[in-house]
Amino acid sequence: MTVARKKDLVREYKERKTRPGVFAVRCLADDAAWTGTSRDLDSQQNGIWFQLRMGNHMNKALQQAWARHGADAFRFEILEVVEDDNPEMIGLLLKEREAHWRAQEGA
């Protein structure tokens, strides 16, 4: 791969449109769920799975469930994609939508 091609790929990645929203991590073995928000839903699962595999996820209950049941017992689910043209308000909107989903999911 040429240097120019690498630069083009990096630029394209940085310019891509991200999808903010609310997600759930579900443990199928014990029917538990954890909700969260992300400004980039498409890359969120990889980040969470990496932290869990390394044993250093900040949610200790989720980390313990992962250690107990293994990766095959977990699913990543996008609950809602949040559309907002005002980047200054997206954080507040994500918090509101997460509260809604936590109440609905009992997570």
PDB file of N, CA and C in Angstrom:
ATOM      1  N   MET A   1       0.850  -1.167   0.000  1.00  0.00           N
ATOM      2  CA  MET A   1       0.000   0.000   0.000  1.00  0.00           C
ATOM      3  C   MET A   1       0.903   1.239   0.000  1.00  0.00           C
ATOM      4  N   THR A   2       0.560   2.167  -0.849  1.00  0.00           N
ATOM      5  CA  THR A   2       1.373   3.373  -0.962  1.00  0.00           C
ATOM      6  C   THR A   2       1.080   4.330   0.189  1.00  0.00           C
ATOM      7  N   VAL A   3       1.997   5.240   0.420  1.00  0.00           N
ATOM      8  CA  VAL A   3       1.824   6.251   1.467  1.00  0.00           C
ATOM      9  C   VAL A   3       0.608   7.117   1.157  1.00  0.00           C
ATOM     10  N   ALA A   4       0.430   7.462  -0.099  1.00  0.00           N
ATOM     11  CA  ALA A   4      -0.715   8.286  -0.499  1.00  0.00           C
ATOM     12  C   ALA A   4      -2.027   7.563  -0.213  1.00  0.00           C
ATOM     13  N   ARG A   5      -2.061   6.280  -0.495  1.00  0.00           N
ATOM     14  CA  ARG A   5      -3.280   5.489  -0.240  1.00  0.00           C
ATOM     15  C   ARG A   5      -3.577   5.432   1.251  1.00  0.00           C
ATOM     16  N   LYS A   6      -2.536   5.246   2.063  1.00  0.00           N
ATOM     17  CA  LYS A   6      -2.720   5.229   3.518  1.00  0.00           C
ATOM     18  C   LYS A   6      -3.294   6.553   4.002  1.00  0.00           C
ATOM     19  N   LYS A   7      -2.756   7.651   3.497  1.00  0.00           N
ATOM     20  CA  LYS A   7      -3.253   8.972   3.888  1.00  0.00           C
ATOM     21  C   LYS A   7      -4.713   9.140   3.492  1.00  0.00           C
ATOM     22  N   ASP A   8      -5.068   8.668   2.306  1.00  0.00           N
ATOM     23  CA  ASP A   8      -6.459   8.744   1.859  1.00  0.00           C
ATOM     24  C   ASP A   8      -7.377   7.945   2.781  1.00  0.00           C
ATOM     25  N   LEU A   9      -6.956   6.752   3.164  1.00  0.00           N
ATOM     26  CA  LEU A   9      -7.775   5.915   4.046  1.00  0.00           C
ATOM     27  C   LEU A   9      -7.949   6.557   5.419  1.00  0.00           C
ATOM     28  N   VAL A  10      -6.896   7.128   5.953  1.00  0.00           N
ATOM     29  CA  VAL A  10      -6.978   7.807   7.250  1.00  0.00           C
ATOM     30  C   VAL A  10      -7.924   8.997   7.154  1.00  0.00           C
ATOM     31  N   ARG A  11      -7.796   9.781   6.093  1.00  0.00           N
ATOM     32  CA  ARG A  11      -8.671  10.941   5.904  1.00  0.00           C
ATOM     33  C   ARG A  11     -10.130  10.505   5.792  1.00  0.00           C
ATOM     34  N   GLU A  12     -10.393   9.464   5.018  1.00  0.00           N
ATOM     35  CA  GLU A  12     -11.759   8.961   4.867  1.00  0.00           C
ATOM     36  C   GLU A  12     -12.326   8.505   6.204  1.00  0.00           C
ATOM     37  N   TYR A  13     -11.517   7.835   6.999  1.00  0.00           N
ATOM     38  CA  TYR A  13     -11.975   7.367   8.305  1.00  0.00           C
ATOM     39  C   TYR A  13     -12.333   8.548   9.201  1.00  0.00           C
ATOM     40  N   LYS A  14     -11.501   9.561   9.215  1.00  0.00           N
ATOM     41  CA  LYS A  14     -11.747  10.726  10.069  1.00  0.00           C
ATOM     42  C   LYS A  14     -12.965  11.518   9.624  1.00  0.00           C
ATOM     43  N   GLU A  15     -13.248  11.487   8.328  1.00  0.00           N
ATOM     44  CA  GLU A  15     -14.364  12.254   7.786  1.00  0.00           C
ATOM     45  C   GLU A  15     -15.684  11.486   7.787  1.00  0.00           C
ATOM     46  N   ARG A  16     -15.655  10.221   8.124  1.00  0.00           N
ATOM     47  CA  ARG A  16     -16.886   9.428   8.079  1.00  0.00           C
ATOM     48  C   ARG A  16     -17.890   9.951   9.107  1.00  0.00           C
ATOM     49  N   LYS A  17     -19.135   9.795   8.798  1.00  0.00           N
ATOM     50  CA  LYS A  17     -20.198  10.239   9.702  1.00  0.00           C
ATOM     51  C   LYS A  17     -20.435   9.145  10.735  1.00  0.00           C
ATOM     52  N   THR A  18     -20.406   9.527  11.995  1.00  0.00           N
ATOM     53  CA  THR A  18     -20.637   8.563  13.069  1.00  0.00           C
ATOM     54  C   THR A  18     -22.117   8.541  13.431  1.00  0.00           C
ATOM     55  N   ARG A  19     -22.530   7.442  14.070  1.00  0.00           N
ATOM     56  CA  ARG A  19     -23.918   7.303  14.510  1.00  0.00           C
ATOM     57  C   ARG A  19     -23.941   7.286  16.035  1.00  0.00           C
ATOM     58  N   PRO A  20     -24.404   8.374  16.666  1.00  0.00           N
ATOM     59  CA  PRO A  20     -24.536   8.358  18.121  1.00  0.00           C
ATOM     60  C   PRO A  20     -25.820   7.639  18.516  1.00  0.00           C
ATOM     61  N   GLY A  21     -25.827   7.091  19.728  1.00  0.00           N
ATOM     62  CA  GLY A  21     -27.039   6.429  20.175  1.00  0.00           C
ATOM     63  C   GLY A  21     -26.874   5.663  21.463  1.00  0.00           C
ATOM     64  N   VAL A  22     -27.858   4.825  21.730  1.00  0.00           N
ATOM     65  CA  VAL A  22     -27.940   4.038  22.958  1.00  0.00           C
ATOM     66  C   VAL A  22     -27.817   2.563  22.586  1.00  0.00           C
ATOM     67  N   PHE A  23     -27.069   1.831  23.395  1.00  0.00           N
ATOM     68  CA  PHE A  23     -26.855   0.409  23.138  1.00  0.00           C
ATOM     69  C   PHE A  23     -27.077  -0.387  24.416  1.00  0.00           C
ATOM     70  N   ALA A  24     -27.199  -1.701  24.248  1.00  0.00           N
ATOM     71  CA  ALA A  24     -27.274  -2.616  25.386  1.00  0.00           C
ATOM     72  C   ALA A  24     -26.286  -3.750  25.153  1.00  0.00           C
ATOM     73  N   VAL A  25     -25.674  -4.189  26.229  1.00  0.00           N
ATOM     74  CA  VAL A  25     -24.870  -5.409  26.229  1.00  0.00           C
ATOM     75  C   VAL A  25     -25.689  -6.418  27.010  1.00  0.00           C
ATOM     76  N   ARG A  26     -26.044  -7.514  26.372  1.00  0.00           N
ATOM     77  CA  ARG A  26     -26.907  -8.516  26.999  1.00  0.00           C
ATOM     78  C   ARG A  26     -26.135  -9.798  27.279  1.00  0.00           C
ATOM     79  N   CYS A  27     -26.385 -10.353  28.462  1.00  0.00           N
ATOM     80  CA  CYS A  27     -25.847 -11.662  28.810  1.00  0.00           C
ATOM     81  C   CYS A  27     -26.993 -12.657  28.666  1.00  0.00           C
ATOM     82  N   LEU A  28     -26.892 -13.534  27.703  1.00  0.00           N
ATOM     83  CA  LEU A  28     -27.957 -14.493  27.438  1.00  0.00           C
ATOM     84  C   LEU A  28     -28.037 -15.569  28.512  1.00  0.00           C
ATOM     85  N   ALA A  29     -26.941 -15.815  29.209  1.00  0.00           N
ATOM     86  CA  ALA A  29     -26.905 -16.877  30.215  1.00  0.00           C
ATOM     87  C   ALA A  29     -27.725 -16.540  31.451  1.00  0.00           C
ATOM     88  N   ASP A  30     -27.715 -15.276  31.861  1.00  0.00           N
ATOM     89  CA  ASP A  30     -28.471 -14.925  33.070  1.00  0.00           C
ATOM     90  C   ASP A  30     -29.466 -13.790  32.832  1.00  0.00           C
ATOM     91  N   ASP A  31     -29.739 -13.469  31.565  1.00  0.00           N
ATOM     92  CA  ASP A  31     -30.744 -12.485  31.178  1.00  0.00           C
ATOM     93  C   ASP A  31     -30.466 -11.099  31.756  1.00  0.00           C
ATOM     94  N   ALA A  32     -29.204 -10.758  31.945  1.00  0.00           N
ATOM     95  CA  ALA A  32     -28.836  -9.436  32.444  1.00  0.00           C
ATOM     96  C   ALA A  32     -28.568  -8.513  31.260  1.00  0.00           C
ATOM     97  N   ALA A  33     -28.732  -7.213  31.491  1.00  0.00           N
ATOM     98  CA  ALA A  33     -28.460  -6.230  30.445  1.00  0.00           C
ATOM     99  C   ALA A  33     -27.829  -4.991  31.059  1.00  0.00           C
ATOM    100  N   TRP A  34     -26.924  -4.408  30.302  1.00  0.00           N
ATOM    101  CA  TRP A  34     -26.284  -3.157  30.688  1.00  0.00           C
ATOM    102  C   TRP A  34     -26.459  -2.195  29.528  1.00  0.00           C
ATOM    103  N   THR A  35     -26.896  -0.966  29.814  1.00  0.00           N
ATOM    104  CA  THR A  35     -27.081   0.021  28.760  1.00  0.00           C
ATOM    105  C   THR A  35     -25.970   1.055  28.811  1.00  0.00           C
ATOM    106  N   GLY A  36     -25.780   1.716  27.697  1.00  0.00           N
ATOM    107  CA  GLY A  36     -24.789   2.774  27.613  1.00  0.00           C
ATOM    108  C   GLY A  36     -25.050   3.633  26.394  1.00  0.00           C
ATOM    109  N   THR A  37     -24.288   4.705  26.281  1.00  0.00           N
ATOM    110  CA  THR A  37     -24.395   5.592  25.134  1.00  0.00           C
ATOM    111  C   THR A  37     -23.050   5.672  24.435  1.00  0.00           C
ATOM    112  N   SER A  38     -23.109   6.062  23.186  1.00  0.00           N
ATOM    113  CA  SER A  38     -21.879   6.221  22.421  1.00  0.00           C
ATOM    114  C   SER A  38     -22.091   7.272  21.348  1.00  0.00           C
ATOM    115  N   ARG A  39     -21.060   8.025  21.076  1.00  0.00           N
ATOM    116  CA  ARG A  39     -21.097   8.961  19.956  1.00  0.00           C
ATOM    117  C   ARG A  39     -20.746   8.245  18.655  1.00  0.00           C
ATOM    118  N   ASP A  40     -20.317   6.990  18.760  1.00  0.00           N
ATOM    119  CA  ASP A  40     -19.960   6.191  17.582  1.00  0.00           C
ATOM    120  C   ASP A  40     -20.355   4.731  17.827  1.00  0.00           C
ATOM    121  N   LEU A  41     -21.622   4.434  17.601  1.00  0.00           N
ATOM    122  CA  LEU A  41     -22.138   3.088  17.861  1.00  0.00           C
ATOM    123  C   LEU A  41     -21.410   2.013  17.065  1.00  0.00           C
ATOM    124  N   ASP A  42     -20.963   2.358  15.872  1.00  0.00           N
ATOM    125  CA  ASP A  42     -20.361   1.350  15.002  1.00  0.00           C
ATOM    126  C   ASP A  42     -19.026   0.821  15.519  1.00  0.00           C
ATOM    127  N   SER A  43     -18.360   1.574  16.369  1.00  0.00           N
ATOM    128  CA  SER A  43     -17.085   1.095  16.915  1.00  0.00           C
ATOM    129  C   SER A  43     -17.184   0.718  18.393  1.00  0.00           C
ATOM    130  N   GLN A  44     -18.332   0.919  18.997  1.00  0.00           N
ATOM    131  CA  GLN A  44     -18.477   0.722  20.436  1.00  0.00           C
ATOM    132  C   GLN A  44     -18.286  -0.732  20.867  1.00  0.00           C
ATOM    133  N   GLN A  45     -18.862  -1.668  20.151  1.00  0.00           N
ATOM    134  CA  GLN A  45     -18.747  -3.072  20.560  1.00  0.00           C
ATOM    135  C   GLN A  45     -17.292  -3.511  20.622  1.00  0.00           C
ATOM    136  N   ASN A  46     -16.505  -3.151  19.630  1.00  0.00           N
ATOM    137  CA  ASN A  46     -15.095  -3.552  19.640  1.00  0.00           C
ATOM    138  C   ASN A  46     -14.387  -3.037  20.880  1.00  0.00           C
ATOM    139  N   GLY A  47     -14.664  -1.801  21.270  1.00  0.00           N
ATOM    140  CA  GLY A  47     -14.033  -1.231  22.455  1.00  0.00           C
ATOM    141  C   GLY A  47     -14.429  -1.958  23.727  1.00  0.00           C
ATOM    142  N   ILE A  48     -15.712  -2.251  23.859  1.00  0.00           N
ATOM    143  CA  ILE A  48     -16.202  -2.949  25.054  1.00  0.00           C
ATOM    144  C   ILE A  48     -15.639  -4.362  25.112  1.00  0.00           C
ATOM    145  N   TRP A  49     -15.706  -5.080  24.006  1.00  0.00           N
ATOM    146  CA  TRP A  49     -15.208  -6.462  23.978  1.00  0.00           C
ATOM    147  C   TRP A  49     -13.710  -6.496  24.296  1.00  0.00           C
ATOM    148  N   PHE A  50     -12.958  -5.525  23.795  1.00  0.00           N
ATOM    149  CA  PHE A  50     -11.526  -5.471  24.085  1.00  0.00           C
ATOM    150  C   PHE A  50     -11.295  -5.296  25.585  1.00  0.00           C
ATOM    151  N   GLN A  51     -11.998  -4.354  26.209  1.00  0.00           N
ATOM    152  CA  GLN A  51     -11.847  -4.133  27.651  1.00  0.00           C
ATOM    153  C   GLN A  51     -12.226  -5.380  28.439  1.00  0.00           C
ATOM    154  N   LEU A  52     -13.281  -6.043  28.037  1.00  0.00           N
ATOM    155  CA  LEU A  52     -13.714  -7.248  28.744  1.00  0.00           C
ATOM    156  C   LEU A  52     -12.693  -8.375  28.586  1.00  0.00           C
ATOM    157  N   ARG A  53     -12.163  -8.555  27.385  1.00  0.00           N
ATOM    158  CA  ARG A  53     -11.137  -9.587  27.179  1.00  0.00           C
ATOM    159  C   ARG A  53      -9.874  -9.304  27.992  1.00  0.00           C
ATOM    160  N   MET A  54      -9.549  -8.030  28.156  1.00  0.00           N
ATOM    161  CA  MET A  54      -8.360  -7.646  28.926  1.00  0.00           C
ATOM    162  C   MET A  54      -8.618  -7.707  30.436  1.00  0.00           C
ATOM    163  N   GLY A  55      -9.904  -7.813  30.818  1.00  0.00           N
ATOM    164  CA  GLY A  55     -10.253  -7.897  32.236  1.00  0.00           C
ATOM    165  C   GLY A  55     -10.252  -6.565  32.952  1.00  0.00           C
ATOM    166  N   ASN A  56     -10.403  -5.472  32.203  1.00  0.00           N
ATOM    167  CA  ASN A  56     -10.358  -4.171  32.851  1.00  0.00           C
ATOM    168  C   ASN A  56     -11.527  -3.258  32.491  1.00  0.00           C
ATOM    169  N   HIS A  57     -12.702  -3.831  32.286  1.00  0.00           N
ATOM    170  CA  HIS A  57     -13.873  -2.998  32.025  1.00  0.00           C
ATOM    171  C   HIS A  57     -14.275  -2.302  33.316  1.00  0.00           C
ATOM    172  N   MET A  58     -14.705  -1.037  33.211  1.00  0.00           N
ATOM    173  CA  MET A  58     -15.006  -0.266  34.417  1.00  0.00           C
ATOM    174  C   MET A  58     -16.274  -0.737  35.134  1.00  0.00           C
ATOM    175  N   ASN A  59     -17.167  -1.434  34.446  1.00  0.00           N
ATOM    176  CA  ASN A  59     -18.362  -1.965  35.101  1.00  0.00           C
ATOM    177  C   ASN A  59     -18.021  -3.354  35.642  1.00  0.00           C
ATOM    178  N   LYS A  60     -17.844  -3.429  36.941  1.00  0.00           N
ATOM    179  CA  LYS A  60     -17.375  -4.675  37.566  1.00  0.00           C
ATOM    180  C   LYS A  60     -18.390  -5.811  37.425  1.00  0.00           C
ATOM    181  N   ALA A  61     -19.686  -5.496  37.507  1.00  0.00           N
ATOM    182  CA  ALA A  61     -20.707  -6.543  37.364  1.00  0.00           C
ATOM    183  C   ALA A  61     -20.663  -7.150  35.959  1.00  0.00           C
ATOM    184  N   LEU A  62     -20.509  -6.302  34.959  1.00  0.00           N
ATOM    185  CA  LEU A  62     -20.393  -6.782  33.580  1.00  0.00           C
ATOM    186  C   LEU A  62     -19.123  -7.611  33.417  1.00  0.00           C
ATOM    187  N   GLN A  63     -18.030  -7.145  33.969  1.00  0.00           N
ATOM    188  CA  GLN A  63     -16.763  -7.873  33.873  1.00  0.00           C
ATOM    189  C   GLN A  63     -16.866  -9.241  34.539  1.00  0.00           C
ATOM    190  N   GLN A  64     -17.524  -9.303  35.695  1.00  0.00           N
ATOM    191  CA  GLN A  64     -17.684 -10.585  36.395  1.00  0.00           C
ATOM    192  C   GLN A  64     -18.567 -11.540  35.601  1.00  0.00           C
ATOM    193  N   ALA A  65     -19.639 -11.013  35.001  1.00  0.00           N
ATOM    194  CA  ALA A  65     -20.514 -11.860  34.187  1.00  0.00           C
ATOM    195  C   ALA A  65     -19.755 -12.396  32.973  1.00  0.00           C
ATOM    196  N   TRP A  66     -18.925 -11.569  32.373  1.00  0.00           N
ATOM    197  CA  TRP A  66     -18.103 -11.987  31.227  1.00  0.00           C
ATOM    198  C   TRP A  66     -17.161 -13.112  31.639  1.00  0.00           C
ATOM    199  N   ALA A  67     -16.524 -12.950  32.788  1.00  0.00           N
ATOM    200  CA  ALA A  67     -15.587 -13.973  33.275  1.00  0.00           C
ATOM    201  C   ALA A  67     -16.319 -15.277  33.590  1.00  0.00           C
ATOM    202  N   ARG A  68     -17.532 -15.164  34.091  1.00  0.00           N
ATOM    203  CA  ARG A  68     -18.312 -16.336  34.487  1.00  0.00           C
ATOM    204  C   ARG A  68     -18.871 -17.087  33.275  1.00  0.00           C
ATOM    205  N   HIS A  69     -19.368 -16.367  32.270  1.00  0.00           N
ATOM    206  CA  HIS A  69     -20.098 -17.003  31.166  1.00  0.00           C
ATOM    207  C   HIS A  69     -19.338 -17.048  29.844  1.00  0.00           C
ATOM    208  N   GLY A  70     -18.356 -16.188  29.654  1.00  0.00           N
ATOM    209  CA  GLY A  70     -17.588 -16.177  28.414  1.00  0.00           C
ATOM    210  C   GLY A  70     -18.215 -15.337  27.316  1.00  0.00           C
ATOM    211  N   ALA A  71     -17.430 -15.031  26.318  1.00  0.00           N
ATOM    212  CA  ALA A  71     -17.828 -14.126  25.239  1.00  0.00           C
ATOM    213  C   ALA A  71     -19.056 -14.606  24.467  1.00  0.00           C
ATOM    214  N   ASP A  72     -19.204 -15.906  24.295  1.00  0.00           N
ATOM    215  CA  ASP A  72     -20.318 -16.429  23.497  1.00  0.00           C
ATOM    216  C   ASP A  72     -21.679 -16.163  24.123  1.00  0.00           C
ATOM    217  N   ALA A  73     -21.715 -15.830  25.401  1.00  0.00           N
ATOM    218  CA  ALA A  73     -22.979 -15.580  26.091  1.00  0.00           C
ATOM    219  C   ALA A  73     -23.432 -14.128  25.963  1.00  0.00           C
ATOM    220  N   PHE A  74     -22.676 -13.286  25.257  1.00  0.00           N
ATOM    221  CA  PHE A  74     -22.981 -11.858  25.204  1.00  0.00           C
ATOM    222  C   PHE A  74     -23.339 -11.397  23.806  1.00  0.00           C
ATOM    223  N   ARG A  75     -24.245 -10.421  23.758  1.00  0.00           N
ATOM    224  CA  ARG A  75     -24.671  -9.796  22.509  1.00  0.00           C
ATOM    225  C   ARG A  75     -24.644  -8.286  22.690  1.00  0.00           C
ATOM    226  N   PHE A  76     -24.282  -7.589  21.623  1.00  0.00           N
ATOM    227  CA  PHE A  76     -24.311  -6.131  21.577  1.00  0.00           C
ATOM    228  C   PHE A  76     -25.512  -5.752  20.737  1.00  0.00           C
ATOM    229  N   GLU A  77     -26.352  -4.883  21.255  1.00  0.00           N
ATOM    230  CA  GLU A  77     -27.575  -4.512  20.552  1.00  0.00           C
ATOM    231  C   GLU A  77     -27.709  -2.997  20.524  1.00  0.00           C
ATOM    232  N   ILE A  78     -27.921  -2.444  19.349  1.00  0.00           N
ATOM    233  CA  ILE A  78     -28.194  -1.013  19.231  1.00  0.00           C
ATOM    234  C   ILE A  78     -29.672  -0.811  19.518  1.00  0.00           C
ATOM    235  N   LEU A  79     -29.961  -0.024  20.550  1.00  0.00           N
ATOM    236  CA  LEU A  79     -31.342   0.224  20.946  1.00  0.00           C
ATOM    237  C   LEU A  79     -31.943   1.405  20.194  1.00  0.00           C
ATOM    238  N   GLU A  80     -31.129   2.433  19.982  1.00  0.00           N
ATOM    239  CA  GLU A  80     -31.648   3.628  19.322  1.00  0.00           C
ATOM    240  C   GLU A  80     -30.488   4.433  18.735  1.00  0.00           C
ATOM    241  N   VAL A  81     -30.661   4.862  17.505  1.00  0.00           N
ATOM    242  CA  VAL A  81     -29.726   5.800  16.892  1.00  0.00           C
ATOM    243  C   VAL A  81     -30.319   7.187  17.085  1.00  0.00           C
ATOM    244  N   VAL A  82     -29.535   8.089  17.633  1.00  0.00           N
ATOM    245  CA  VAL A  82     -30.007   9.440  17.941  1.00  0.00           C
ATOM    246  C   VAL A  82     -29.553  10.377  16.832  1.00  0.00           C
ATOM    247  N   GLU A  83     -30.500  11.031  16.220  1.00  0.00           N
ATOM    248  CA  GLU A  83     -30.201  12.004  15.169  1.00  0.00           C
ATOM    249  C   GLU A  83     -30.349  13.399  15.754  1.00  0.00           C
ATOM    250  N   ASP A  84     -29.294  14.189  15.684  1.00  0.00           N
ATOM    251  CA  ASP A  84     -29.349  15.567  16.159  1.00  0.00           C
ATOM    252  C   ASP A  84     -28.294  16.364  15.417  1.00  0.00           C
ATOM    253  N   ASP A  85     -28.730  17.451  14.819  1.00  0.00           N
ATOM    254  CA  ASP A  85     -27.805  18.280  14.050  1.00  0.00           C
ATOM    255  C   ASP A  85     -27.021  19.245  14.924  1.00  0.00           C
ATOM    256  N   ASN A  86     -27.354  19.314  16.201  1.00  0.00           N
ATOM    257  CA  ASN A  86     -26.675  20.229  17.112  1.00  0.00           C
ATOM    258  C   ASN A  86     -25.679  19.449  17.962  1.00  0.00           C
ATOM    259  N   PRO A  87     -24.396  19.467  17.607  1.00  0.00           N
ATOM    260  CA  PRO A  87     -23.411  18.666  18.344  1.00  0.00           C
ATOM    261  C   PRO A  87     -23.258  19.076  19.805  1.00  0.00           C
ATOM    262  N   GLU A  88     -23.615  20.300  20.139  1.00  0.00           N
ATOM    263  CA  GLU A  88     -23.504  20.756  21.524  1.00  0.00           C
ATOM    264  C   GLU A  88     -24.558  20.109  22.416  1.00  0.00           C
ATOM    265  N   MET A  89     -25.652  19.667  21.843  1.00  0.00           N
ATOM    266  CA  MET A  89     -26.753  19.098  22.622  1.00  0.00           C
ATOM    267  C   MET A  89     -26.760  17.574  22.615  1.00  0.00           C
ATOM    268  N   ILE A  90     -25.902  16.958  21.830  1.00  0.00           N
ATOM    269  CA  ILE A  90     -25.961  15.503  21.679  1.00  0.00           C
ATOM    270  C   ILE A  90     -25.706  14.789  22.999  1.00  0.00           C
ATOM    271  N   GLY A  91     -24.801  15.300  23.819  1.00  0.00           N
ATOM    272  CA  GLY A  91     -24.513  14.664  25.104  1.00  0.00           C
ATOM    273  C   GLY A  91     -25.739  14.615  25.997  1.00  0.00           C
ATOM    274  N   LEU A  92     -26.457  15.721  26.081  1.00  0.00           N
ATOM    275  CA  LEU A  92     -27.671  15.781  26.895  1.00  0.00           C
ATOM    276  C   LEU A  92     -28.744  14.856  26.333  1.00  0.00           C
ATOM    277  N   LEU A  93     -28.900  14.869  25.038  1.00  0.00           N
ATOM    278  CA  LEU A  93     -29.901  14.008  24.401  1.00  0.00           C
ATOM    279  C   LEU A  93     -29.581  12.531  24.626  1.00  0.00           C
ATOM    280  N   LEU A  94     -28.313  12.163  24.540  1.00  0.00           N
ATOM    281  CA  LEU A  94     -27.923  10.774  24.787  1.00  0.00           C
ATOM    282  C   LEU A  94     -28.239  10.368  26.224  1.00  0.00           C
ATOM    283  N   LYS A  95     -27.983  11.247  27.186  1.00  0.00           N
ATOM    284  CA  LYS A  95     -28.298  10.939  28.587  1.00  0.00           C
ATOM    285  C   LYS A  95     -29.793  10.728  28.780  1.00  0.00           C
ATOM    286  N   GLU A  96     -30.596  11.582  28.158  1.00  0.00           N
ATOM    287  CA  GLU A  96     -32.054  11.446  28.268  1.00  0.00           C
ATOM    288  C   GLU A  96     -32.531  10.126  27.672  1.00  0.00           C
ATOM    289  N   ARG A  97     -32.016   9.780  26.507  1.00  0.00           N
ATOM    290  CA  ARG A  97     -32.451   8.546  25.852  1.00  0.00           C
ATOM    291  C   ARG A  97     -31.968   7.312  26.608  1.00  0.00           C
ATOM    292  N   GLU A  98     -30.776   7.387  27.199  1.00  0.00           N
ATOM    293  CA  GLU A  98     -30.293   6.261  27.995  1.00  0.00           C
ATOM    294  C   GLU A  98     -31.180   6.057  29.217  1.00  0.00           C
ATOM    295  N   ALA A  99     -31.589   7.151  29.865  1.00  0.00           N
ATOM    296  CA  ALA A  99     -32.490   7.036  31.018  1.00  0.00           C
ATOM    297  C   ALA A  99     -33.797   6.365  30.602  1.00  0.00           C
ATOM    298  N   HIS A 100     -34.314   6.733  29.453  1.00  0.00           N
ATOM    299  CA  HIS A 100     -35.539   6.107  28.937  1.00  0.00           C
ATOM    300  C   HIS A 100     -35.340   4.599  28.757  1.00  0.00           C
ATOM    301  N   TRP A 101     -34.245   4.216  28.118  1.00  0.00           N
ATOM    302  CA  TRP A 101     -34.001   2.795  27.850  1.00  0.00           C
ATOM    303  C   TRP A 101     -33.684   2.018  29.115  1.00  0.00           C
ATOM    304  N   ARG A 102     -33.009   2.643  30.063  1.00  0.00           N
ATOM    305  CA  ARG A 102     -32.745   1.948  31.336  1.00  0.00           C
ATOM    306  C   ARG A 102     -34.058   1.624  32.037  1.00  0.00           C
ATOM    307  N   ALA A 103     -34.965   2.579  32.028  1.00  0.00           N
ATOM    308  CA  ALA A 103     -36.268   2.345  32.652  1.00  0.00           C
ATOM    309  C   ALA A 103     -37.027   1.253  31.906  1.00  0.00           C
ATOM    310  N   GLN A 104     -36.998   1.290  30.594  1.00  0.00           N
ATOM    311  CA  GLN A 104     -37.734   0.312  29.793  1.00  0.00           C
ATOM    312  C   GLN A 104     -37.122  -1.081  29.897  1.00  0.00           C
ATOM    313  N   GLU A 105     -35.802  -1.159  29.906  1.00  0.00           N
ATOM    314  CA  GLU A 105     -35.107  -2.447  29.923  1.00  0.00           C
ATOM    315  C   GLU A 105     -34.900  -2.986  31.331  1.00  0.00           C
ATOM    316  N   GLY A 106     -35.031  -2.126  32.323  1.00  0.00           N
ATOM    317  CA  GLY A 106     -34.746  -2.547  33.686  1.00  0.00           C
ATOM    318  C   GLY A 106     -33.261  -2.797  33.894  1.00  0.00           C
ATOM    319  N   ALA A 107     -32.440  -2.096  33.128  1.00  0.00           N
ATOM    320  CA  ALA A 107     -30.981  -2.298  33.203  1.00  0.00           C
ATOM    321  C   ALA A 107     -30.328  -1.286  34.125  1.00  0.00           C
TER     322      ALA A 107
END
